[in-house]
Amino acid sequence: MAEYDVLIVGAGILGLSTAYYIKNTNPELNVLIVDKLGAAGQGSTAKSAAAFRCFFYSRTNFDLADSSAEFYKHVQNDLGIDLKLRWAGYLWLFDEDGYRKILPVLKDLASKGFQYVEYDESELAKKLEMRTNFAEDEEAQLMGLGNSENGRKNPV
């Protein structure tokens, strides 16, 4: 029966990059990656529509996601393996209430070194060439969408 030093559950973006870092730091360790699906990247990673983010309030989740993004940058930029990744950042849109709720979290993350760019309503409308006011939009009202008052983009 085979023995392993490390068991990683999940063969998505986080599990695979975790395995890489463990093996890179301790090449002598036997690492086993298991996943409930038939191949790597078919769970949450596949459902993400190929987008990933490093915006998490939990320090653990932030560190895991950030180190995963750095791993894939390394694979593509330093090792020269074309993963077809395009580093675009992640845009969050907030209505007035959402912005009020998220502001303390953003300030706390900024104090920990998390960087983001803030856009007001008029900048969003201009940059994205879109409406930000949905007060008269029946479909937006049915979906419960508020006006986009503010936006945050975290650069990668």
Protein backbone atom coordinates (compact mmCIF):
# COMPACT_ATOMS: atom_id res chain seq x y z
CA MET A 1 0.00 0.00 0.00
CA ALA A 2 1.36 3.39 -1.02
CA GLU A 3 2.03 5.99 1.66
CA TYR A 4 1.83 9.72 1.22
CA ASP A 5 3.10 12.62 3.28
CA VAL A 6 0.48 15.05 2.00
CA LEU A 7 -3.08 14.57 0.80
CA ILE A 8 -4.69 17.38 -1.19
CA VAL A 9 -8.42 17.20 -1.77
CA GLY A 10 -9.37 19.00 -4.95
CA ALA A 11 -7.54 19.19 -8.28
CA GLY A 12 -8.60 22.71 -9.19
CA ILE A 13 -6.55 25.87 -9.36
CA LEU A 14 -5.96 26.00 -5.59
CA GLY A 15 -5.25 22.30 -5.10
CA LEU A 16 -2.80 22.03 -7.97
CA SER A 17 -0.90 25.17 -7.06
CA THR A 18 -0.75 24.04 -3.43
CA ALA A 19 0.73 20.71 -4.56
CA TYR A 20 3.25 22.56 -6.73
CA TYR A 21 4.44 24.74 -3.86
CA ILE A 22 4.70 21.80 -1.48
CA LYS A 23 6.76 19.79 -3.97
CA ASN A 24 8.84 22.82 -4.89
CA THR A 25 9.67 23.48 -1.23
CA ASN A 26 10.00 19.80 -0.19
CA PRO A 27 10.73 17.64 -3.28
CA GLU A 28 11.15 14.50 -1.15
CA LEU A 29 7.54 14.54 0.04
CA ASN A 30 5.02 12.17 -1.54
CA VAL A 31 1.96 14.22 -2.47
CA LEU A 32 -1.38 12.72 -3.49
CA ILE A 33 -4.07 14.86 -5.13
CA VAL A 34 -7.60 13.46 -5.20
CA ASP A 35 -10.70 14.89 -6.78
CA LYS A 36 -14.27 13.63 -6.92
CA LEU A 37 -14.45 14.40 -10.65
CA GLY A 38 -12.72 12.65 -13.54
CA ALA A 39 -9.98 15.19 -14.27
CA ALA A 40 -8.31 18.28 -12.89
CA GLY A 41 -10.11 21.61 -13.01
CA GLN A 42 -13.65 20.32 -13.50
CA GLY A 43 -15.23 21.55 -10.25
CA SER A 44 -15.37 25.15 -9.07
CA THR A 45 -12.43 26.09 -11.28
CA ALA A 46 -14.38 25.12 -14.41
CA LYS A 47 -17.50 26.91 -13.19
CA SER A 48 -15.60 30.17 -12.80
CA ALA A 49 -15.79 30.85 -16.56
CA ALA A 50 -11.99 30.98 -16.54
CA ALA A 51 -11.91 33.94 -14.17
CA PHE A 52 -10.25 33.91 -10.81
CA ARG A 53 -9.79 36.50 -8.14
CA CYS A 54 -7.68 37.26 -5.11
CA PHE A 55 -10.31 39.35 -3.35
CA PHE A 56 -11.17 37.54 -0.12
CA TYR A 57 -11.59 38.91 3.37
CA SER A 58 -10.31 35.74 5.00
CA ARG A 59 -6.51 35.96 5.23
CA THR A 60 -6.23 32.24 4.46
CA ASN A 61 -8.39 32.46 1.34
CA PHE A 62 -6.58 35.62 0.25
CA ASP A 63 -3.16 33.96 0.64
CA LEU A 64 -4.27 30.78 -1.14
CA ALA A 65 -5.77 32.64 -4.08
CA ASP A 66 -2.90 35.11 -4.32
CA SER A 67 -0.24 32.38 -4.25
CA SER A 68 -2.20 30.45 -6.90
CA ALA A 69 -2.30 33.49 -9.18
CA GLU A 70 1.44 33.98 -8.65
CA PHE A 71 2.03 30.33 -9.52
CA TYR A 72 0.22 30.63 -12.83
CA LYS A 73 2.05 33.87 -13.62
CA HIS A 74 5.31 31.98 -12.97
CA VAL A 75 4.29 29.07 -15.23
CA GLN A 76 3.32 31.40 -18.06
CA ASN A 77 5.89 34.20 -17.75
CA ASP A 78 8.98 32.47 -16.32
CA LEU A 79 8.61 28.91 -17.61
CA GLY A 80 7.25 30.05 -20.97
CA ILE A 81 4.23 27.74 -20.98
CA ASP A 82 1.39 29.50 -22.75
CA LEU A 83 -1.62 29.00 -20.48
CA LYS A 84 -3.58 31.53 -22.55
CA LEU A 85 -4.00 33.69 -19.44
CA ARG A 86 -4.74 37.37 -19.76
CA TRP A 87 -4.18 39.42 -16.62
CA ALA A 88 -7.04 41.88 -16.52
CA GLY A 89 -7.94 42.38 -12.89
CA TYR A 90 -11.41 41.89 -11.44
CA LEU A 91 -14.12 44.52 -11.46
CA TRP A 92 -16.69 44.73 -8.66
CA LEU A 93 -19.75 46.94 -9.03
CA PHE A 94 -21.62 48.22 -5.98
CA ASP A 95 -24.89 49.97 -5.47
CA GLU A 96 -25.01 52.58 -2.70
CA ASP A 97 -25.93 50.08 0.02
CA GLY A 98 -23.39 47.50 -1.15
CA TYR A 99 -20.65 50.13 -1.21
CA ARG A 100 -21.52 51.25 2.33
CA LYS A 101 -21.30 47.63 3.54
CA ILE A 102 -18.06 46.77 1.74
CA LEU A 103 -16.17 49.99 2.54
CA PRO A 104 -14.89 48.85 5.99
CA VAL A 105 -13.66 45.59 4.43
CA LEU A 106 -11.88 47.48 1.64
CA LYS A 107 -10.20 49.81 4.13
CA ASP A 108 -9.04 46.84 6.19
CA LEU A 109 -7.69 45.04 3.11
CA ALA A 110 -5.93 48.22 1.96
CA SER A 111 -4.20 48.43 5.35
CA LYS A 112 -2.89 44.88 4.67
CA GLY A 113 -1.45 45.82 1.27
CA PHE A 114 -4.36 44.89 -1.02
CA GLN A 115 -4.40 47.31 -3.94
CA TYR A 116 -7.42 48.45 -5.91
CA VAL A 117 -8.57 51.30 -8.11
CA GLU A 118 -11.83 53.06 -7.28
CA TYR A 119 -14.21 54.43 -9.91
CA ASP A 120 -17.24 56.63 -9.29
CA GLU A 121 -20.49 56.32 -11.24
CA SER A 122 -19.52 58.70 -14.06
CA GLU A 123 -16.10 57.04 -14.53
CA LEU A 124 -17.76 53.61 -14.74
CA ALA A 125 -20.24 54.81 -17.34
CA LYS A 126 -17.44 56.31 -19.44
CA LYS A 127 -14.88 53.48 -19.09
CA LEU A 128 -17.36 50.67 -19.63
CA GLU A 129 -19.58 52.52 -22.10
CA MET A 130 -22.62 51.42 -20.15
CA ARG A 131 -25.50 52.80 -18.17
CA THR A 132 -25.09 52.88 -14.42
CA ASN A 133 -28.63 54.02 -13.58
CA PHE A 134 -31.27 51.32 -13.86
CA ALA A 135 -34.13 53.10 -12.08
CA GLU A 136 -36.34 53.03 -15.20
CA ASP A 137 -35.29 49.57 -16.40
CA GLU A 138 -38.07 47.02 -15.85
CA GLU A 139 -35.79 43.97 -16.30
CA ALA A 140 -33.23 45.36 -13.84
CA GLN A 141 -36.02 45.92 -11.33
CA LEU A 142 -37.27 42.34 -11.77
CA MET A 143 -33.75 41.06 -11.08
CA GLY A 144 -33.32 43.38 -8.09
CA LEU A 145 -30.38 45.23 -9.64
CA GLY A 146 -29.50 48.56 -8.10
CA ASN A 147 -27.68 51.44 -9.68
CA SER A 148 -23.91 51.05 -10.00
CA GLU A 149 -22.74 53.83 -7.74
CA ASN A 150 -19.13 52.72 -7.34
CA GLY A 151 -16.68 50.22 -8.75
CA ARG A 152 -13.45 48.68 -7.53
CA LYS A 153 -10.87 46.96 -9.67
CA ASN A 154 -8.03 44.99 -8.18
CA PRO A 155 -5.10 44.85 -10.57
CA VAL A 156 -3.31 41.55 -11.03
